[in-house]
Structures are given as structure tokens and as C-alpha cells.
N, C-alpha and C. Protein backbone atom coordinates (compact mmCIF):
# COMPACT_ATOMS: atom_id res chain seq x y z
N UNK A 1 113.31 121.22 124.72
CA UNK A 1 112.37 120.36 124.03
C UNK A 1 113.11 119.40 123.11
N UNK A 2 112.59 118.24 123.02
CA UNK A 2 113.19 117.21 122.17
C UNK A 2 112.66 117.36 120.76
N UNK A 3 113.49 117.13 119.77
CA UNK A 3 113.06 117.18 118.38
C UNK A 3 112.92 115.77 117.83
N UNK A 4 112.70 114.82 118.71
CA UNK A 4 112.57 113.42 118.32
C UNK A 4 111.37 113.22 117.40
N UNK A 5 111.48 112.28 116.47
CA UNK A 5 110.37 111.98 115.59
C UNK A 5 109.57 110.79 116.11
N UNK A 6 109.80 110.41 117.36
CA UNK A 6 109.05 109.31 117.96
C UNK A 6 107.61 109.76 118.17
N UNK A 7 106.67 108.79 118.11
CA UNK A 7 105.28 109.16 118.32
C UNK A 7 105.05 109.58 119.76
N UNK A 8 103.99 110.35 120.00
CA UNK A 8 103.70 110.77 121.36
C UNK A 8 103.44 109.55 122.24
N UNK A 9 103.80 109.67 123.52
CA UNK A 9 103.56 108.54 124.42
C UNK A 9 102.10 108.52 124.82
N UNK A 10 101.67 107.40 125.35
CA UNK A 10 100.29 107.25 125.76
C UNK A 10 99.70 106.03 125.10
N UNK A 11 98.42 105.77 125.36
CA UNK A 11 97.80 104.59 124.79
C UNK A 11 97.72 104.69 123.28
N UNK A 12 97.83 103.56 122.62
CA UNK A 12 97.70 103.54 121.16
C UNK A 12 96.59 102.56 120.80
N UNK A 13 96.05 102.74 119.62
CA UNK A 13 95.00 101.85 119.14
C UNK A 13 95.58 100.47 118.92
N UNK A 14 94.78 99.43 119.13
CA UNK A 14 95.28 98.06 118.92
C UNK A 14 95.80 97.87 117.50
N UNK A 15 96.94 97.23 117.39
CA UNK A 15 97.53 96.92 116.09
C UNK A 15 98.32 98.04 115.46
N UNK A 16 98.51 99.15 116.17
CA UNK A 16 99.22 100.28 115.57
C UNK A 16 100.69 100.36 115.98
N UNK A 17 101.12 99.51 116.88
CA UNK A 17 102.51 99.57 117.36
C UNK A 17 103.54 99.35 116.25
N UNK A 18 103.20 98.56 115.25
CA UNK A 18 104.16 98.24 114.20
C UNK A 18 104.16 99.26 113.06
N UNK A 19 103.30 100.27 113.11
CA UNK A 19 103.25 101.25 112.02
C UNK A 19 104.55 102.05 111.97
N UNK A 20 105.04 102.26 110.76
CA UNK A 20 106.32 102.96 110.61
C UNK A 20 106.18 104.42 110.19
N UNK A 21 104.96 104.86 109.84
CA UNK A 21 104.81 106.21 109.31
C UNK A 21 103.87 107.10 110.14
N UNK A 22 102.78 106.55 110.61
CA UNK A 22 101.79 107.34 111.35
C UNK A 22 102.40 107.88 112.64
N UNK A 23 102.28 109.19 112.85
CA UNK A 23 102.84 109.81 114.04
C UNK A 23 104.33 110.07 113.96
N UNK A 24 104.90 109.84 112.81
CA UNK A 24 106.33 110.04 112.61
C UNK A 24 106.55 110.91 111.37
N UNK A 25 107.69 111.56 111.33
CA UNK A 25 108.06 112.30 110.13
C UNK A 25 108.40 111.27 109.05
N UNK A 26 107.83 111.45 107.87
CA UNK A 26 108.02 110.50 106.78
C UNK A 26 108.51 111.22 105.54
N UNK A 27 109.34 110.56 104.78
CA UNK A 27 109.80 111.14 103.53
C UNK A 27 108.94 110.61 102.39
N UNK A 28 108.84 111.39 101.35
CA UNK A 28 108.04 111.00 100.19
C UNK A 28 108.75 109.87 99.45
N UNK A 29 108.08 108.73 99.23
CA UNK A 29 108.70 107.65 98.46
C UNK A 29 108.96 108.10 97.02
N UNK A 30 110.04 107.61 96.45
CA UNK A 30 110.41 108.00 95.09
C UNK A 30 109.57 107.29 94.03
N UNK A 31 108.96 106.17 94.38
CA UNK A 31 108.18 105.40 93.41
C UNK A 31 107.13 104.57 94.13
N UNK A 32 106.11 104.11 93.41
CA UNK A 32 105.11 103.24 94.05
C UNK A 32 105.72 101.95 94.59
N UNK A 33 106.74 101.45 93.93
CA UNK A 33 107.39 100.22 94.39
C UNK A 33 108.10 100.43 95.72
N UNK A 34 108.62 101.62 95.94
CA UNK A 34 109.33 101.95 97.18
C UNK A 34 108.37 102.29 98.32
N UNK A 35 107.16 102.70 97.99
CA UNK A 35 106.19 103.15 99.00
C UNK A 35 105.77 101.99 99.90
N UNK A 36 105.61 102.30 101.17
CA UNK A 36 105.18 101.31 102.16
C UNK A 36 103.71 101.56 102.47
N UNK A 37 102.87 100.60 102.11
CA UNK A 37 101.45 100.65 102.47
C UNK A 37 101.26 99.87 103.75
N UNK A 38 100.57 100.45 104.71
CA UNK A 38 100.39 99.78 106.00
C UNK A 38 98.92 99.57 106.29
N UNK A 39 98.65 98.61 107.15
CA UNK A 39 97.28 98.28 107.52
C UNK A 39 97.18 98.14 109.04
N UNK A 40 95.97 98.29 109.52
CA UNK A 40 95.68 98.09 110.94
C UNK A 40 94.43 97.21 111.02
N UNK A 41 94.22 96.57 112.16
CA UNK A 41 93.04 95.73 112.29
C UNK A 41 91.75 96.56 112.12
N UNK A 42 90.79 95.98 111.43
CA UNK A 42 89.50 96.64 111.26
C UNK A 42 88.82 96.76 112.62
N UNK A 43 88.29 97.93 112.94
CA UNK A 43 87.69 98.11 114.26
C UNK A 43 86.36 97.37 114.42
N UNK A 44 85.71 97.02 113.31
CA UNK A 44 84.42 96.33 113.37
C UNK A 44 84.39 95.19 112.35
N UNK A 45 85.20 94.15 112.55
CA UNK A 45 85.25 93.06 111.55
C UNK A 45 83.94 92.30 111.44
N UNK A 46 83.05 92.45 112.40
CA UNK A 46 81.76 91.76 112.39
C UNK A 46 80.67 92.54 111.65
N UNK A 47 80.99 93.74 111.16
CA UNK A 47 80.00 94.57 110.47
C UNK A 47 80.45 94.84 109.03
N UNK A 48 79.46 95.04 108.16
CA UNK A 48 79.78 95.40 106.77
C UNK A 48 79.53 96.89 106.59
N UNK A 49 80.57 97.59 106.17
CA UNK A 49 80.48 99.03 105.93
C UNK A 49 81.45 99.39 104.83
N UNK A 50 81.20 100.50 104.19
CA UNK A 50 82.06 100.95 103.08
C UNK A 50 83.00 102.03 103.59
N UNK A 51 84.27 101.90 103.24
CA UNK A 51 85.27 102.94 103.50
C UNK A 51 85.57 103.59 102.15
N UNK A 52 85.58 104.92 102.11
CA UNK A 52 85.86 105.63 100.86
C UNK A 52 87.05 106.55 101.05
N UNK A 53 87.97 106.50 100.10
CA UNK A 53 89.07 107.46 100.01
C UNK A 53 88.92 108.19 98.69
N UNK A 54 89.08 109.49 98.73
CA UNK A 54 88.99 110.32 97.53
C UNK A 54 90.29 111.10 97.39
N UNK A 55 90.89 111.00 96.22
CA UNK A 55 92.12 111.74 95.94
C UNK A 55 91.88 112.60 94.69
N UNK A 56 91.38 113.84 94.87
CA UNK A 56 91.02 114.66 93.71
C UNK A 56 92.20 115.26 92.96
N UNK A 57 93.41 115.10 93.48
CA UNK A 57 94.58 115.70 92.82
C UNK A 57 95.67 114.66 92.57
N UNK A 58 95.28 113.45 92.19
CA UNK A 58 96.24 112.40 91.89
C UNK A 58 97.04 112.79 90.64
N UNK A 59 98.34 112.52 90.67
CA UNK A 59 99.22 112.88 89.55
C UNK A 59 100.16 111.73 89.22
N UNK A 60 100.35 111.52 87.93
CA UNK A 60 101.37 110.60 87.43
C UNK A 60 101.93 111.20 86.15
N UNK A 61 102.82 110.47 85.50
CA UNK A 61 103.42 110.96 84.25
C UNK A 61 103.09 110.03 83.10
N UNK A 62 102.89 110.60 81.92
CA UNK A 62 102.73 109.79 80.72
C UNK A 62 104.06 109.07 80.48
N UNK A 63 104.03 107.75 80.27
CA UNK A 63 105.29 107.01 80.11
C UNK A 63 106.00 107.29 78.79
N UNK A 64 105.31 107.91 77.86
CA UNK A 64 105.91 108.20 76.55
C UNK A 64 106.42 109.63 76.47
N UNK A 65 105.57 110.60 76.85
CA UNK A 65 105.93 112.01 76.69
C UNK A 65 106.52 112.63 77.95
N UNK A 66 106.27 112.02 79.11
CA UNK A 66 106.71 112.60 80.37
C UNK A 66 105.82 113.73 80.85
N UNK A 67 104.73 114.01 80.13
CA UNK A 67 103.80 115.06 80.52
C UNK A 67 103.00 114.60 81.75
N UNK A 68 102.61 115.54 82.61
CA UNK A 68 101.83 115.15 83.79
C UNK A 68 100.40 114.77 83.41
N UNK A 69 99.88 113.79 84.10
CA UNK A 69 98.49 113.38 83.98
C UNK A 69 97.84 113.53 85.35
N UNK A 70 96.61 113.99 85.37
CA UNK A 70 95.91 114.24 86.63
C UNK A 70 94.61 113.45 86.64
N UNK A 71 94.25 112.97 87.84
CA UNK A 71 93.01 112.21 87.98
C UNK A 71 92.35 112.52 89.32
N UNK A 72 91.08 112.24 89.36
CA UNK A 72 90.29 112.27 90.59
C UNK A 72 89.99 110.80 90.89
N UNK A 73 90.62 110.26 91.93
CA UNK A 73 90.43 108.85 92.29
C UNK A 73 89.38 108.72 93.39
N UNK A 74 88.54 107.71 93.27
CA UNK A 74 87.61 107.36 94.33
C UNK A 74 87.78 105.86 94.57
N UNK A 75 88.18 105.52 95.79
CA UNK A 75 88.42 104.12 96.16
C UNK A 75 87.42 103.76 97.26
N UNK A 76 86.61 102.76 96.99
CA UNK A 76 85.64 102.25 97.97
C UNK A 76 85.99 100.81 98.29
N UNK A 77 85.90 100.45 99.58
CA UNK A 77 86.09 99.04 99.92
C UNK A 77 85.32 98.67 101.17
N UNK A 78 85.02 97.40 101.28
CA UNK A 78 84.39 96.84 102.47
C UNK A 78 85.45 96.01 103.17
N UNK A 79 85.88 96.45 104.36
CA UNK A 79 86.94 95.72 105.07
C UNK A 79 86.49 94.32 105.49
N UNK A 80 87.47 93.46 105.61
CA UNK A 80 87.27 92.15 106.21
C UNK A 80 87.92 92.23 107.60
N UNK A 81 89.23 92.01 107.67
CA UNK A 81 89.95 92.07 108.93
C UNK A 81 90.89 93.26 109.04
N UNK A 82 91.10 93.97 107.93
CA UNK A 82 92.09 95.05 107.90
C UNK A 82 91.52 96.30 107.27
N UNK A 83 92.04 97.47 107.70
CA UNK A 83 91.79 98.73 107.01
C UNK A 83 93.16 99.33 106.67
N UNK A 84 93.20 100.11 105.61
CA UNK A 84 94.47 100.72 105.21
C UNK A 84 94.72 101.92 106.13
N UNK A 85 95.96 102.09 106.51
CA UNK A 85 96.35 103.26 107.31
C UNK A 85 96.44 104.44 106.35
N UNK A 86 95.70 105.50 106.63
CA UNK A 86 95.49 106.56 105.64
C UNK A 86 96.75 107.37 105.30
N UNK A 87 97.65 107.57 106.25
CA UNK A 87 98.87 108.32 105.91
C UNK A 87 99.70 107.52 104.92
N UNK A 88 99.80 106.22 105.13
CA UNK A 88 100.58 105.40 104.20
C UNK A 88 99.92 105.39 102.83
N UNK A 89 98.58 105.41 102.77
CA UNK A 89 97.89 105.47 101.48
C UNK A 89 98.19 106.79 100.79
N UNK A 90 98.14 107.88 101.53
CA UNK A 90 98.44 109.20 100.94
C UNK A 90 99.86 109.23 100.36
N UNK A 91 100.83 108.73 101.12
CA UNK A 91 102.21 108.70 100.63
C UNK A 91 102.34 107.78 99.42
N UNK A 92 101.64 106.65 99.44
CA UNK A 92 101.66 105.73 98.29
C UNK A 92 101.11 106.43 97.05
N UNK A 93 99.97 107.08 97.19
CA UNK A 93 99.36 107.74 96.03
C UNK A 93 100.24 108.86 95.49
N UNK A 94 100.86 109.64 96.39
CA UNK A 94 101.71 110.72 95.89
C UNK A 94 103.02 110.20 95.31
N UNK A 95 103.37 108.94 95.57
CA UNK A 95 104.59 108.38 94.99
C UNK A 95 104.47 108.19 93.47
N UNK A 96 103.27 108.30 92.94
CA UNK A 96 103.07 108.20 91.49
C UNK A 96 103.44 109.49 90.77
N UNK A 97 103.71 110.56 91.53
CA UNK A 97 103.96 111.88 90.96
C UNK A 97 105.06 111.85 89.89
N UNK A 98 106.09 111.07 90.09
CA UNK A 98 107.19 110.99 89.11
C UNK A 98 107.25 109.62 88.44
N UNK A 99 106.14 108.90 88.48
CA UNK A 99 106.07 107.55 87.94
C UNK A 99 105.41 107.59 86.57
N UNK A 100 106.06 107.03 85.59
CA UNK A 100 105.51 106.98 84.24
C UNK A 100 104.72 105.70 84.00
N UNK A 101 103.43 105.84 83.78
CA UNK A 101 102.58 104.69 83.46
C UNK A 101 101.29 105.19 82.83
N UNK A 102 100.69 104.36 82.01
CA UNK A 102 99.41 104.71 81.41
C UNK A 102 98.32 104.74 82.48
N UNK A 103 97.24 105.46 82.18
CA UNK A 103 96.13 105.60 83.13
C UNK A 103 95.63 104.26 83.63
N UNK A 104 95.46 103.33 82.70
CA UNK A 104 94.92 102.02 83.05
C UNK A 104 95.85 101.30 84.02
N UNK A 105 97.14 101.39 83.80
CA UNK A 105 98.11 100.72 84.67
C UNK A 105 98.11 101.33 86.07
N UNK A 106 98.14 102.65 86.15
CA UNK A 106 98.11 103.30 87.47
C UNK A 106 96.87 102.89 88.25
N UNK A 107 95.72 102.99 87.61
CA UNK A 107 94.44 102.75 88.28
C UNK A 107 94.33 101.31 88.79
N UNK A 108 94.59 100.35 87.93
CA UNK A 108 94.44 98.95 88.31
C UNK A 108 95.56 98.53 89.27
N UNK A 109 96.75 99.08 89.13
CA UNK A 109 97.85 98.75 90.05
C UNK A 109 97.53 99.20 91.47
N UNK A 110 96.94 100.37 91.63
CA UNK A 110 96.56 100.87 92.95
C UNK A 110 95.54 99.92 93.58
N UNK A 111 94.50 99.58 92.83
CA UNK A 111 93.46 98.69 93.35
C UNK A 111 94.03 97.32 93.69
N UNK A 112 94.86 96.78 92.83
CA UNK A 112 95.44 95.45 93.05
C UNK A 112 96.30 95.42 94.29
N UNK A 113 97.11 96.47 94.47
CA UNK A 113 97.97 96.50 95.66
C UNK A 113 97.14 96.57 96.94
N UNK A 114 96.06 97.33 96.92
CA UNK A 114 95.19 97.41 98.09
C UNK A 114 94.51 96.06 98.38
N UNK A 115 94.09 95.38 97.33
CA UNK A 115 93.46 94.07 97.51
C UNK A 115 94.46 93.09 98.10
N UNK A 116 95.70 93.11 97.62
CA UNK A 116 96.73 92.21 98.15
C UNK A 116 97.02 92.51 99.62
N UNK A 117 97.02 93.77 100.00
CA UNK A 117 97.32 94.17 101.38
C UNK A 117 96.17 93.87 102.34
N UNK A 118 94.94 94.15 101.89
CA UNK A 118 93.80 94.15 102.81
C UNK A 118 92.92 92.92 102.74
N UNK A 119 92.91 92.22 101.61
CA UNK A 119 91.97 91.13 101.39
C UNK A 119 90.55 91.57 101.78
N UNK A 120 90.05 92.66 101.16
CA UNK A 120 88.74 93.18 101.54
C UNK A 120 87.62 92.26 101.03
N UNK A 121 86.44 92.46 101.59
CA UNK A 121 85.28 91.74 101.09
C UNK A 121 84.96 92.20 99.67
N UNK A 122 85.21 93.48 99.40
CA UNK A 122 84.93 94.06 98.08
C UNK A 122 85.71 95.36 97.96
N UNK A 123 86.17 95.67 96.75
CA UNK A 123 86.89 96.92 96.49
C UNK A 123 86.59 97.36 95.07
N UNK A 124 86.47 98.67 94.90
CA UNK A 124 86.36 99.24 93.55
C UNK A 124 87.15 100.53 93.51
N UNK A 125 87.60 100.85 92.30
CA UNK A 125 88.26 102.14 92.08
C UNK A 125 87.60 102.79 90.87
N UNK A 126 87.34 104.08 90.99
CA UNK A 126 86.93 104.90 89.86
C UNK A 126 88.04 105.92 89.67
N UNK A 127 88.69 105.88 88.54
CA UNK A 127 89.79 106.81 88.24
C UNK A 127 89.33 107.70 87.09
N UNK A 128 89.02 108.94 87.44
CA UNK A 128 88.49 109.90 86.49
C UNK A 128 89.64 110.80 86.05
N UNK A 129 90.23 110.46 84.91
CA UNK A 129 91.40 111.17 84.42
C UNK A 129 90.98 112.42 83.66
N UNK A 130 91.66 113.53 83.96
CA UNK A 130 91.36 114.78 83.29
C UNK A 130 91.88 114.72 81.85
N UNK A 131 91.17 115.38 80.93
CA UNK A 131 91.56 115.28 79.52
C UNK A 131 92.91 115.91 79.23
N UNK A 132 93.63 115.26 78.37
CA UNK A 132 94.82 115.81 77.75
C UNK A 132 94.70 115.42 76.30
N UNK A 133 94.82 116.37 75.41
CA UNK A 133 94.58 116.08 74.01
C UNK A 133 93.09 115.98 73.70
N UNK A 134 92.25 116.51 74.60
CA UNK A 134 90.82 116.55 74.34
C UNK A 134 90.05 115.30 74.69
N UNK A 135 90.72 114.27 75.23
CA UNK A 135 90.01 113.02 75.50
C UNK A 135 90.26 112.54 76.92
N UNK A 136 89.23 112.58 77.78
CA UNK A 136 89.40 112.00 79.11
C UNK A 136 89.39 110.47 79.01
N UNK A 137 90.16 109.84 79.84
CA UNK A 137 90.17 108.37 79.92
C UNK A 137 89.83 108.03 81.36
N UNK A 138 88.71 107.38 81.56
CA UNK A 138 88.31 106.97 82.89
C UNK A 138 88.48 105.46 83.01
N UNK A 139 88.92 105.02 84.18
CA UNK A 139 89.20 103.61 84.40
C UNK A 139 88.43 103.15 85.63
N UNK A 140 87.70 102.05 85.49
CA UNK A 140 86.90 101.51 86.58
C UNK A 140 87.25 100.04 86.75
N UNK A 141 87.44 99.61 88.00
CA UNK A 141 87.77 98.22 88.28
C UNK A 141 87.20 97.86 89.63
N UNK A 142 86.73 96.64 89.77
CA UNK A 142 86.26 96.16 91.06
C UNK A 142 86.50 94.67 91.17
N UNK A 143 86.50 94.20 92.40
CA UNK A 143 86.81 92.80 92.66
C UNK A 143 85.68 91.86 92.29
N UNK A 144 84.48 92.37 92.17
CA UNK A 144 83.31 91.55 91.84
C UNK A 144 82.07 92.42 91.88
N UNK A 145 80.90 91.80 91.80
CA UNK A 145 79.67 92.60 91.84
C UNK A 145 79.56 93.39 93.14
N UNK A 146 78.96 94.55 93.03
CA UNK A 146 78.74 95.37 94.22
C UNK A 146 77.80 94.63 95.16
N UNK A 147 78.10 94.61 96.44
CA UNK A 147 77.24 93.90 97.39
C UNK A 147 75.86 94.57 97.48
N UNK A 148 74.85 93.75 97.67
CA UNK A 148 73.48 94.26 97.73
C UNK A 148 73.05 94.63 99.15
N UNK A 149 73.75 94.14 100.17
CA UNK A 149 73.29 94.33 101.54
C UNK A 149 74.02 95.43 102.29
N UNK A 150 74.72 96.30 101.57
CA UNK A 150 75.41 97.42 102.19
C UNK A 150 75.26 98.63 101.26
N UNK A 151 75.15 99.80 101.85
CA UNK A 151 75.00 101.00 101.04
C UNK A 151 76.32 101.37 100.39
N UNK A 152 76.34 101.37 99.07
CA UNK A 152 77.51 101.80 98.31
C UNK A 152 77.09 103.06 97.56
N UNK A 153 77.51 104.22 98.04
CA UNK A 153 77.07 105.47 97.41
C UNK A 153 77.66 105.63 96.01
N UNK A 154 76.95 106.35 95.14
CA UNK A 154 77.52 106.62 93.81
C UNK A 154 78.77 107.48 93.96
N UNK A 155 79.62 107.42 92.96
CA UNK A 155 80.85 108.20 93.04
C UNK A 155 80.62 109.67 92.69
N UNK A 156 79.66 109.98 91.87
CA UNK A 156 79.25 111.36 91.59
C UNK A 156 80.38 112.31 91.25
N UNK A 157 81.33 111.88 90.47
CA UNK A 157 82.37 112.78 89.99
C UNK A 157 81.81 113.49 88.75
N UNK A 158 81.80 114.83 88.76
CA UNK A 158 81.16 115.56 87.64
C UNK A 158 81.80 115.21 86.29
N UNK A 159 80.96 115.23 85.28
CA UNK A 159 81.45 115.01 83.91
C UNK A 159 82.30 116.17 83.43
N UNK A 160 82.91 115.99 82.29
CA UNK A 160 83.77 117.02 81.73
C UNK A 160 83.02 117.82 80.69
N UNK A 161 83.35 119.09 80.58
CA UNK A 161 82.75 119.94 79.55
C UNK A 161 83.03 119.31 78.18
N UNK A 162 82.03 119.23 77.37
CA UNK A 162 82.21 118.66 76.05
C UNK A 162 81.94 117.17 75.99
N UNK A 163 81.71 116.56 77.13
CA UNK A 163 81.41 115.14 77.15
C UNK A 163 79.90 114.98 76.90
N UNK A 164 79.53 114.02 76.07
CA UNK A 164 78.13 113.83 75.69
C UNK A 164 77.19 113.40 76.70
């Protein structure tokens, strides 16, 4: 048997030939700057629909103390011509594990990078940071008003004990 890391042979989805991570063994990027985010053509560019990614165990580091910070991220977007390749998104998000940045910077940087890559019709991020020092910090950002002609479900991330 071959131990090659080449993808399995056979038909592939349109636009996936240039992907460098999907179907291959990949190493964890050391930083968000090093991480490779990839995209593929949207399968239904003529339709409006919401794509949701949820990362309930997102981790980064406080840039001052080096202590770990944890968040539950919810990313919603309406594709135009591209969708993000999910393995590359997972590797990108985990690249923050040793990255020191404030909650606001991590949250908005993730959304901004996705907007630059995908040029979506609409994108929002809800970053629900777990409390450290007794105070949760949640960060919300979107490209514009939520569209009225497509179902955008609520994020429904439970509140924290002690929150009013």
C-alpha cells in the first residue's frame, strides 16, 4: 500500500483541483498570517442562502498576560460566487491557538479575512467570549444590514451565569 498524501483518484467537484489542504495531510499553521484559507465556487450562485459555521471551542491568547481565552464563534454568510473550504477554515481558526490578540481583534480579523476571500453578499460574526476575570466580552460585526429576503436564524448562544 502506498502512504502517499495525494487525494484519492476519481472525479472531483468543479473548482477543487487547486485546493492544497482538502484530501491531504495538513500541518497546523503556526499563526493566522501563515494559515491558508481556500475557497471553491459556490454551487448555487443564482440562489440566496445562508451558510453557518460554528466553532464552540475557539482559542486564542491574551496579548498581555498570555492566558488562554475561549470563545464560541458563529459565522453566517450569504455566498456570491465563492464558499469557504471548511478544512482550511478549521485550520485557520485553530491557528489562533498560540496567537496573542484582544477579543475584538480576533473576531473582526476573522470576519474581515473571510470577506476579502469570498466577497459574500453578506457576512456576520458573533464571537461569544467566555468570561475571564468575571466579565464576558462578546463581539459582533457584519458587513451591513441583515437581508430581509433570506432566512437568517438567530445565533442562540446561551447566556452566561450571572449575566443580567
